[in-house]
N, C-alpha and C. Protein backbone atom coordinates (compact mmCIF):
# COMPACT_ATOMS: atom_id res chain seq x y z
N MET A 1 22.08 -13.83 -2.12
CA MET A 1 21.21 -13.00 -1.32
C MET A 1 21.37 -13.37 0.14
N ARG A 2 21.09 -12.41 0.98
CA ARG A 2 21.15 -12.60 2.42
C ARG A 2 19.88 -12.01 3.03
N VAL A 3 19.32 -12.74 3.99
CA VAL A 3 18.13 -12.26 4.67
C VAL A 3 18.33 -12.48 6.17
N VAL A 4 18.23 -11.41 6.94
CA VAL A 4 18.24 -11.52 8.39
C VAL A 4 16.78 -11.58 8.83
N ILE A 5 16.44 -12.65 9.55
CA ILE A 5 15.08 -12.88 10.01
C ILE A 5 15.04 -12.62 11.51
N GLN A 6 14.04 -11.86 11.95
CA GLN A 6 13.84 -11.66 13.37
C GLN A 6 12.37 -11.91 13.70
N ARG A 7 12.14 -12.78 14.68
CA ARG A 7 10.77 -13.04 15.13
C ARG A 7 10.33 -11.85 15.98
N VAL A 8 9.11 -11.36 15.70
CA VAL A 8 8.62 -10.16 16.39
C VAL A 8 7.19 -10.34 16.89
N GLN A 9 6.87 -9.58 17.92
CA GLN A 9 5.48 -9.50 18.37
C GLN A 9 4.72 -8.52 17.49
N ARG A 10 5.43 -7.47 17.05
CA ARG A 10 4.88 -6.49 16.11
C ARG A 10 6.04 -5.68 15.55
N ALA A 11 5.80 -5.07 14.39
CA ALA A 11 6.84 -4.26 13.77
C ALA A 11 6.23 -3.30 12.78
N ALA A 12 6.91 -2.19 12.58
CA ALA A 12 6.47 -1.19 11.59
C ALA A 12 7.71 -0.56 10.99
N VAL A 13 7.57 -0.11 9.75
CA VAL A 13 8.63 0.65 9.09
C VAL A 13 8.05 2.01 8.73
N ILE A 14 8.82 3.05 9.05
CA ILE A 14 8.35 4.42 8.89
C ILE A 14 9.27 5.13 7.90
N VAL A 15 8.65 5.79 6.91
CA VAL A 15 9.38 6.54 5.89
C VAL A 15 8.78 7.94 5.87
N ALA A 16 9.63 8.96 6.06
CA ALA A 16 9.18 10.35 6.04
C ALA A 16 7.99 10.57 6.99
N ASP A 17 8.14 10.04 8.20
CA ASP A 17 7.13 10.19 9.25
C ASP A 17 5.79 9.52 8.93
N GLN A 18 5.76 8.63 7.95
CA GLN A 18 4.54 7.89 7.60
C GLN A 18 4.82 6.39 7.69
N VAL A 19 3.88 5.64 8.24
CA VAL A 19 4.03 4.19 8.30
C VAL A 19 3.90 3.63 6.89
N SER A 20 4.95 2.95 6.44
CA SER A 20 4.95 2.33 5.12
C SER A 20 4.39 0.93 5.17
N GLY A 21 4.71 0.21 6.25
CA GLY A 21 4.23 -1.15 6.42
C GLY A 21 4.28 -1.52 7.88
N GLN A 22 3.34 -2.36 8.29
CA GLN A 22 3.36 -2.84 9.67
C GLN A 22 2.71 -4.20 9.76
N ILE A 23 3.13 -4.96 10.78
CA ILE A 23 2.59 -6.29 11.01
C ILE A 23 2.40 -6.49 12.51
N GLY A 24 1.57 -7.47 12.84
CA GLY A 24 1.46 -7.95 14.21
C GLY A 24 2.49 -9.05 14.39
N PRO A 25 2.14 -10.14 15.05
CA PRO A 25 3.12 -11.22 15.22
C PRO A 25 3.59 -11.75 13.87
N GLY A 26 4.89 -12.01 13.79
CA GLY A 26 5.45 -12.54 12.55
C GLY A 26 6.94 -12.40 12.49
N LEU A 27 7.43 -12.11 11.30
CA LEU A 27 8.86 -12.02 11.04
C LEU A 27 9.20 -10.71 10.35
N VAL A 28 10.29 -10.09 10.79
CA VAL A 28 10.89 -9.00 10.03
C VAL A 28 12.00 -9.64 9.21
N ALA A 29 12.03 -9.33 7.92
CA ALA A 29 13.06 -9.86 7.02
C ALA A 29 13.83 -8.68 6.43
N LEU A 30 15.10 -8.56 6.80
CA LEU A 30 15.99 -7.56 6.21
C LEU A 30 16.65 -8.24 5.03
N VAL A 31 16.41 -7.73 3.82
CA VAL A 31 16.77 -8.43 2.58
C VAL A 31 17.90 -7.70 1.87
N GLY A 32 19.03 -8.38 1.72
CA GLY A 32 20.18 -7.84 1.00
C GLY A 32 20.39 -8.60 -0.29
N VAL A 33 20.69 -7.88 -1.36
CA VAL A 33 20.89 -8.50 -2.67
C VAL A 33 22.33 -8.25 -3.11
N GLY A 34 23.01 -9.32 -3.48
CA GLY A 34 24.38 -9.22 -3.95
C GLY A 34 24.46 -9.22 -5.46
N ARG A 35 25.64 -8.90 -5.97
CA ARG A 35 25.86 -8.85 -7.42
C ARG A 35 25.57 -10.19 -8.10
N GLU A 36 25.78 -11.28 -7.39
CA GLU A 36 25.59 -12.62 -7.97
C GLU A 36 24.22 -13.20 -7.68
N SER A 37 23.35 -12.47 -7.01
CA SER A 37 22.03 -13.00 -6.65
C SER A 37 21.16 -13.20 -7.88
N THR A 38 20.27 -14.19 -7.78
CA THR A 38 19.40 -14.54 -8.91
C THR A 38 17.94 -14.63 -8.47
N VAL A 39 17.06 -14.74 -9.44
CA VAL A 39 15.64 -14.94 -9.18
C VAL A 39 15.44 -16.24 -8.39
N ALA A 40 16.19 -17.27 -8.73
CA ALA A 40 16.09 -18.54 -8.01
C ALA A 40 16.46 -18.36 -6.54
N ASP A 41 17.46 -17.54 -6.27
CA ASP A 41 17.85 -17.26 -4.88
C ASP A 41 16.70 -16.59 -4.14
N ALA A 42 16.08 -15.60 -4.77
CA ALA A 42 14.98 -14.86 -4.15
C ALA A 42 13.81 -15.80 -3.84
N ALA A 43 13.47 -16.66 -4.77
CA ALA A 43 12.35 -17.59 -4.57
C ALA A 43 12.67 -18.59 -3.46
N TRP A 44 13.89 -19.11 -3.46
CA TRP A 44 14.29 -20.08 -2.44
C TRP A 44 14.26 -19.44 -1.05
N LEU A 45 14.79 -18.23 -0.93
CA LEU A 45 14.81 -17.55 0.37
C LEU A 45 13.41 -17.17 0.84
N ALA A 46 12.53 -16.80 -0.06
CA ALA A 46 11.15 -16.51 0.32
C ALA A 46 10.48 -17.77 0.88
N SER A 47 10.66 -18.89 0.20
CA SER A 47 10.10 -20.15 0.67
C SER A 47 10.67 -20.52 2.03
N LYS A 48 11.96 -20.37 2.18
CA LYS A 48 12.63 -20.68 3.45
C LYS A 48 12.09 -19.78 4.56
N THR A 49 11.90 -18.50 4.28
CA THR A 49 11.38 -17.56 5.26
C THR A 49 10.02 -18.01 5.78
N VAL A 50 9.13 -18.35 4.88
CA VAL A 50 7.76 -18.72 5.25
C VAL A 50 7.73 -20.07 5.97
N ARG A 51 8.64 -20.96 5.66
CA ARG A 51 8.61 -22.32 6.21
C ARG A 51 9.48 -22.52 7.45
N LEU A 52 10.27 -21.51 7.83
CA LEU A 52 11.11 -21.64 9.03
C LEU A 52 10.26 -21.94 10.25
N ARG A 53 10.64 -22.94 11.00
CA ARG A 53 9.89 -23.29 12.20
C ARG A 53 10.53 -22.60 13.40
N VAL A 54 10.11 -21.37 13.65
CA VAL A 54 10.70 -20.56 14.73
C VAL A 54 9.66 -20.08 15.74
N PHE A 55 8.43 -20.55 15.61
CA PHE A 55 7.37 -20.20 16.57
C PHE A 55 7.06 -21.43 17.42
N SER A 56 6.71 -21.20 18.67
CA SER A 56 6.51 -22.30 19.62
C SER A 56 5.21 -23.05 19.36
N ASP A 57 5.30 -24.37 19.57
CA ASP A 57 4.10 -25.20 19.54
C ASP A 57 3.55 -25.29 20.97
N ASP A 58 2.57 -26.15 21.18
CA ASP A 58 1.94 -26.27 22.50
C ASP A 58 2.91 -26.77 23.57
N ALA A 59 3.97 -27.45 23.15
CA ALA A 59 4.96 -27.95 24.10
C ALA A 59 6.08 -26.93 24.34
N GLY A 60 5.99 -25.77 23.70
CA GLY A 60 7.02 -24.75 23.90
C GLY A 60 8.24 -24.91 23.02
N ARG A 61 8.20 -25.81 22.06
CA ARG A 61 9.33 -26.02 21.15
C ARG A 61 9.12 -25.23 19.87
N MET A 62 10.20 -24.71 19.31
CA MET A 62 10.11 -24.00 18.03
C MET A 62 9.79 -25.03 16.96
N ASN A 63 8.52 -25.12 16.62
CA ASN A 63 8.07 -26.16 15.71
C ASN A 63 7.02 -25.67 14.73
N ARG A 64 6.70 -24.37 14.74
CA ARG A 64 5.69 -23.81 13.84
C ARG A 64 6.29 -22.70 13.00
N SER A 65 5.77 -22.59 11.80
CA SER A 65 6.22 -21.54 10.88
C SER A 65 5.32 -20.33 11.01
N VAL A 66 5.73 -19.23 10.36
CA VAL A 66 4.89 -18.03 10.35
C VAL A 66 3.55 -18.33 9.67
N ALA A 67 3.54 -19.20 8.70
CA ALA A 67 2.28 -19.60 8.06
C ALA A 67 1.41 -20.39 9.03
N ASP A 68 2.03 -21.28 9.81
CA ASP A 68 1.28 -22.10 10.76
C ASP A 68 0.58 -21.26 11.83
N VAL A 69 1.20 -20.15 12.22
CA VAL A 69 0.63 -19.33 13.31
C VAL A 69 -0.20 -18.17 12.79
N GLY A 70 -0.38 -18.08 11.48
CA GLY A 70 -1.16 -17.00 10.90
C GLY A 70 -0.49 -15.65 10.99
N GLY A 71 0.84 -15.64 10.98
CA GLY A 71 1.60 -14.40 11.07
C GLY A 71 1.84 -13.76 9.72
N ALA A 72 2.64 -12.70 9.74
CA ALA A 72 2.96 -11.95 8.52
C ALA A 72 4.46 -11.69 8.47
N VAL A 73 4.90 -11.18 7.34
CA VAL A 73 6.31 -10.83 7.14
C VAL A 73 6.39 -9.35 6.79
N LEU A 74 7.30 -8.65 7.45
CA LEU A 74 7.64 -7.27 7.09
C LEU A 74 9.00 -7.33 6.42
N ALA A 75 9.04 -7.14 5.10
CA ALA A 75 10.27 -7.24 4.32
C ALA A 75 10.83 -5.85 4.05
N ILE A 76 12.11 -5.67 4.38
CA ILE A 76 12.75 -4.37 4.28
C ILE A 76 14.07 -4.54 3.52
N SER A 77 14.27 -3.75 2.46
CA SER A 77 15.52 -3.83 1.71
C SER A 77 16.67 -3.34 2.59
N GLN A 78 17.82 -4.02 2.47
CA GLN A 78 18.94 -3.74 3.39
C GLN A 78 20.27 -4.01 2.68
N PHE A 79 20.69 -3.08 1.82
CA PHE A 79 21.92 -3.30 1.06
C PHE A 79 23.15 -3.41 1.97
N THR A 80 23.07 -2.87 3.19
CA THR A 80 24.23 -2.90 4.08
C THR A 80 24.57 -4.32 4.54
N LEU A 81 23.71 -5.30 4.27
CA LEU A 81 24.07 -6.69 4.57
C LEU A 81 25.26 -7.14 3.73
N TYR A 82 25.55 -6.40 2.68
CA TYR A 82 26.71 -6.70 1.84
C TYR A 82 27.88 -5.76 2.13
N GLY A 83 27.84 -5.06 3.24
CA GLY A 83 28.95 -4.20 3.62
C GLY A 83 30.15 -5.03 4.05
N ASP A 84 31.30 -4.75 3.47
CA ASP A 84 32.54 -5.44 3.80
C ASP A 84 33.39 -4.51 4.64
N VAL A 85 33.66 -4.91 5.88
CA VAL A 85 34.47 -4.09 6.78
C VAL A 85 35.78 -4.79 7.13
N SER A 86 36.23 -5.68 6.25
CA SER A 86 37.46 -6.43 6.52
C SER A 86 38.70 -5.55 6.43
N ARG A 87 38.61 -4.44 5.72
CA ARG A 87 39.73 -3.51 5.61
C ARG A 87 39.25 -2.11 5.92
N GLY A 88 40.03 -1.40 6.67
CA GLY A 88 39.69 -0.02 6.98
C GLY A 88 38.52 0.11 7.93
N ARG A 89 37.98 1.32 8.00
CA ARG A 89 36.89 1.61 8.93
C ARG A 89 35.58 1.97 8.24
N ARG A 90 35.63 2.15 6.94
CA ARG A 90 34.43 2.50 6.18
C ARG A 90 34.00 1.29 5.37
N PRO A 91 32.72 0.87 5.47
CA PRO A 91 32.28 -0.30 4.72
C PRO A 91 32.39 -0.10 3.21
N SER A 92 32.73 -1.18 2.55
CA SER A 92 32.72 -1.21 1.09
C SER A 92 31.49 -2.00 0.66
N PHE A 93 30.80 -1.51 -0.36
CA PHE A 93 29.59 -2.17 -0.82
C PHE A 93 29.74 -2.68 -2.25
N VAL A 94 30.96 -3.01 -2.66
CA VAL A 94 31.19 -3.44 -4.04
C VAL A 94 30.52 -4.76 -4.38
N THR A 95 30.19 -5.59 -3.38
CA THR A 95 29.53 -6.87 -3.67
C THR A 95 28.00 -6.75 -3.63
N ALA A 96 27.48 -5.59 -3.26
CA ALA A 96 26.03 -5.37 -3.29
C ALA A 96 25.59 -5.17 -4.74
N ALA A 97 24.39 -5.60 -5.05
CA ALA A 97 23.85 -5.43 -6.41
C ALA A 97 23.59 -3.95 -6.68
N ASP A 98 23.65 -3.58 -7.95
CA ASP A 98 23.28 -2.22 -8.35
C ASP A 98 21.80 -2.02 -8.04
N PRO A 99 21.39 -0.79 -7.71
CA PRO A 99 20.01 -0.55 -7.27
C PRO A 99 18.91 -1.11 -8.17
N PRO A 100 18.93 -0.96 -9.50
CA PRO A 100 17.82 -1.51 -10.29
C PRO A 100 17.68 -3.03 -10.15
N GLU A 101 18.81 -3.73 -10.16
CA GLU A 101 18.78 -5.19 -10.02
C GLU A 101 18.39 -5.58 -8.60
N ALA A 102 18.90 -4.86 -7.61
CA ALA A 102 18.56 -5.15 -6.22
C ALA A 102 17.06 -4.97 -6.00
N GLN A 103 16.50 -3.91 -6.56
CA GLN A 103 15.07 -3.67 -6.39
C GLN A 103 14.26 -4.78 -7.05
N ARG A 104 14.67 -5.20 -8.23
CA ARG A 104 13.96 -6.27 -8.95
C ARG A 104 13.95 -7.55 -8.12
N LEU A 105 15.10 -7.93 -7.55
CA LEU A 105 15.16 -9.18 -6.79
C LEU A 105 14.51 -9.05 -5.42
N TYR A 106 14.58 -7.87 -4.81
CA TYR A 106 13.85 -7.62 -3.56
C TYR A 106 12.35 -7.78 -3.81
N GLU A 107 11.85 -7.20 -4.89
CA GLU A 107 10.43 -7.31 -5.21
C GLU A 107 10.04 -8.74 -5.56
N THR A 108 10.95 -9.48 -6.18
CA THR A 108 10.72 -10.90 -6.47
C THR A 108 10.57 -11.68 -5.17
N TYR A 109 11.47 -11.41 -4.22
CA TYR A 109 11.39 -12.04 -2.90
C TYR A 109 10.04 -11.74 -2.25
N CYS A 110 9.65 -10.47 -2.22
CA CYS A 110 8.38 -10.08 -1.59
C CYS A 110 7.18 -10.75 -2.25
N ALA A 111 7.19 -10.81 -3.58
CA ALA A 111 6.08 -11.42 -4.31
C ALA A 111 5.97 -12.92 -4.05
N ALA A 112 7.08 -13.56 -3.71
CA ALA A 112 7.08 -15.00 -3.48
C ALA A 112 6.69 -15.38 -2.05
N ILE A 113 6.55 -14.41 -1.16
CA ILE A 113 6.12 -14.68 0.21
C ILE A 113 4.64 -15.06 0.15
N THR A 114 4.30 -16.20 0.76
CA THR A 114 2.93 -16.73 0.64
C THR A 114 2.06 -16.46 1.86
N VAL A 115 2.50 -15.58 2.74
CA VAL A 115 1.68 -15.11 3.85
C VAL A 115 1.55 -13.61 3.66
N PRO A 116 0.68 -12.94 4.43
CA PRO A 116 0.60 -11.49 4.28
C PRO A 116 1.98 -10.84 4.43
N VAL A 117 2.29 -9.91 3.54
CA VAL A 117 3.59 -9.26 3.55
C VAL A 117 3.40 -7.75 3.49
N ALA A 118 4.16 -7.05 4.31
CA ALA A 118 4.23 -5.59 4.28
C ALA A 118 5.66 -5.24 3.93
N THR A 119 5.87 -4.03 3.41
CA THR A 119 7.22 -3.67 2.97
C THR A 119 7.58 -2.27 3.41
N GLY A 120 8.89 -2.02 3.32
CA GLY A 120 9.39 -0.67 3.43
C GLY A 120 9.36 -0.05 2.04
N VAL A 121 10.16 1.00 1.86
CA VAL A 121 10.26 1.66 0.55
C VAL A 121 11.70 1.48 0.08
N PHE A 122 11.87 0.80 -1.04
CA PHE A 122 13.21 0.51 -1.54
C PHE A 122 14.01 1.80 -1.71
N GLY A 123 15.21 1.82 -1.17
CA GLY A 123 16.14 2.93 -1.33
C GLY A 123 15.89 4.12 -0.42
N ALA A 124 14.83 4.07 0.37
CA ALA A 124 14.50 5.20 1.25
C ALA A 124 15.21 5.06 2.59
N HIS A 125 15.33 6.18 3.30
CA HIS A 125 15.76 6.13 4.69
C HIS A 125 14.57 5.67 5.51
N MET A 126 14.74 4.59 6.27
CA MET A 126 13.62 4.01 6.99
C MET A 126 13.93 3.91 8.48
N VAL A 127 12.93 4.07 9.29
CA VAL A 127 13.01 3.84 10.72
C VAL A 127 12.20 2.58 11.00
N ILE A 128 12.84 1.61 11.66
CA ILE A 128 12.17 0.35 11.95
C ILE A 128 11.86 0.31 13.44
N ASP A 129 10.59 0.12 13.74
CA ASP A 129 10.12 0.02 15.11
C ASP A 129 9.62 -1.40 15.30
N LEU A 130 10.30 -2.16 16.17
CA LEU A 130 9.88 -3.55 16.35
C LEU A 130 10.00 -3.97 17.80
N VAL A 131 9.22 -4.95 18.15
CA VAL A 131 9.30 -5.60 19.45
C VAL A 131 9.75 -7.03 19.17
N ALA A 132 11.03 -7.29 19.46
CA ALA A 132 11.59 -8.62 19.21
C ALA A 132 10.94 -9.63 20.15
N ASP A 133 10.78 -10.84 19.65
CA ASP A 133 10.15 -11.91 20.41
C ASP A 133 11.15 -13.03 20.59
N GLY A 134 11.64 -13.19 21.80
CA GLY A 134 12.58 -14.26 22.11
C GLY A 134 13.84 -13.75 22.78
N PRO A 135 14.70 -13.08 22.12
CA PRO A 135 14.71 -12.80 20.68
C PRO A 135 15.18 -14.02 19.88
N VAL A 136 14.64 -14.10 18.68
CA VAL A 136 15.06 -15.11 17.71
C VAL A 136 15.52 -14.35 16.48
N THR A 137 16.79 -14.50 16.13
CA THR A 137 17.37 -13.83 14.96
C THR A 137 18.21 -14.84 14.19
N LEU A 138 17.95 -14.95 12.89
CA LEU A 138 18.67 -15.91 12.05
C LEU A 138 19.16 -15.24 10.78
N LEU A 139 20.26 -15.72 10.24
CA LEU A 139 20.79 -15.25 8.97
C LEU A 139 20.59 -16.36 7.94
N LEU A 140 19.84 -16.03 6.88
CA LEU A 140 19.67 -16.95 5.76
C LEU A 140 20.52 -16.45 4.60
N ARG A 141 21.21 -17.36 3.96
CA ARG A 141 22.03 -16.97 2.81
C ARG A 141 21.84 -17.97 1.69
N ARG A 142 21.86 -17.45 0.49
CA ARG A 142 21.88 -18.32 -0.69
C ARG A 142 22.85 -17.65 -1.65
N GLU A 143 24.07 -18.12 -1.59
CA GLU A 143 25.13 -17.55 -2.41
C GLU A 143 25.86 -18.70 -3.08
N THR A 144 25.30 -19.13 -4.18
CA THR A 144 25.82 -20.27 -4.91
C THR A 144 27.00 -19.84 -5.76
N PHE A 145 28.05 -20.66 -5.76
CA PHE A 145 29.19 -20.39 -6.63
C PHE A 145 28.77 -20.54 -8.07
N ARG A 146 29.13 -19.57 -8.89
CA ARG A 146 28.85 -19.63 -10.32
C ARG A 146 30.16 -19.41 -11.07
N PRO A 147 30.50 -20.30 -11.98
CA PRO A 147 31.74 -20.12 -12.74
C PRO A 147 31.75 -18.79 -13.46
N VAL A 148 32.94 -18.22 -13.61
CA VAL A 148 33.10 -16.94 -14.28
C VAL A 148 32.51 -17.03 -15.69
N GLY A 149 31.74 -16.02 -16.06
CA GLY A 149 31.16 -15.97 -17.39
C GLY A 149 29.81 -16.65 -17.51
N GLN A 150 29.37 -17.34 -16.45
CA GLN A 150 28.07 -18.03 -16.51
C GLN A 150 27.01 -17.11 -15.90
N ASP A 151 26.07 -16.68 -16.71
CA ASP A 151 24.99 -15.81 -16.23
C ASP A 151 23.72 -16.65 -16.15
N VAL A 152 23.16 -16.77 -14.94
CA VAL A 152 21.99 -17.61 -14.75
C VAL A 152 20.75 -16.78 -14.42
N ARG A 153 20.80 -15.50 -14.66
CA ARG A 153 19.64 -14.65 -14.38
C ARG A 153 18.66 -14.84 -15.44
């Protein structure tokens, strides 16, 4: 799994001209699920998201987590994080998980977030309106090698 984290002052996701989810200060998490992603990956990344120390303390150092500052997470499914553009001009998504599995693991990630969480709509066309803070943008990945034939789901 891959999660792009962006620290924000506020953010909203809009689907069909309706706000699906919105937060004040916190993190936007763009969540991509790969074919090899597992429930353990989703849980680990959710914990990592909540515990990342990317908010300033009184000394101005990034030393506080979203939980420490009373923030929230806006989690948005983002299969294009698995787009491969190494050949040609059109992305290939063969390493992205199939939609039912991707949705299951995206929902697992969201359920494991221990601060207030808002979401987009899985599989929908979404417009993301955000005010980046910093900006601070990080890529989290959990892609453990698994021997061929070993299914750990």
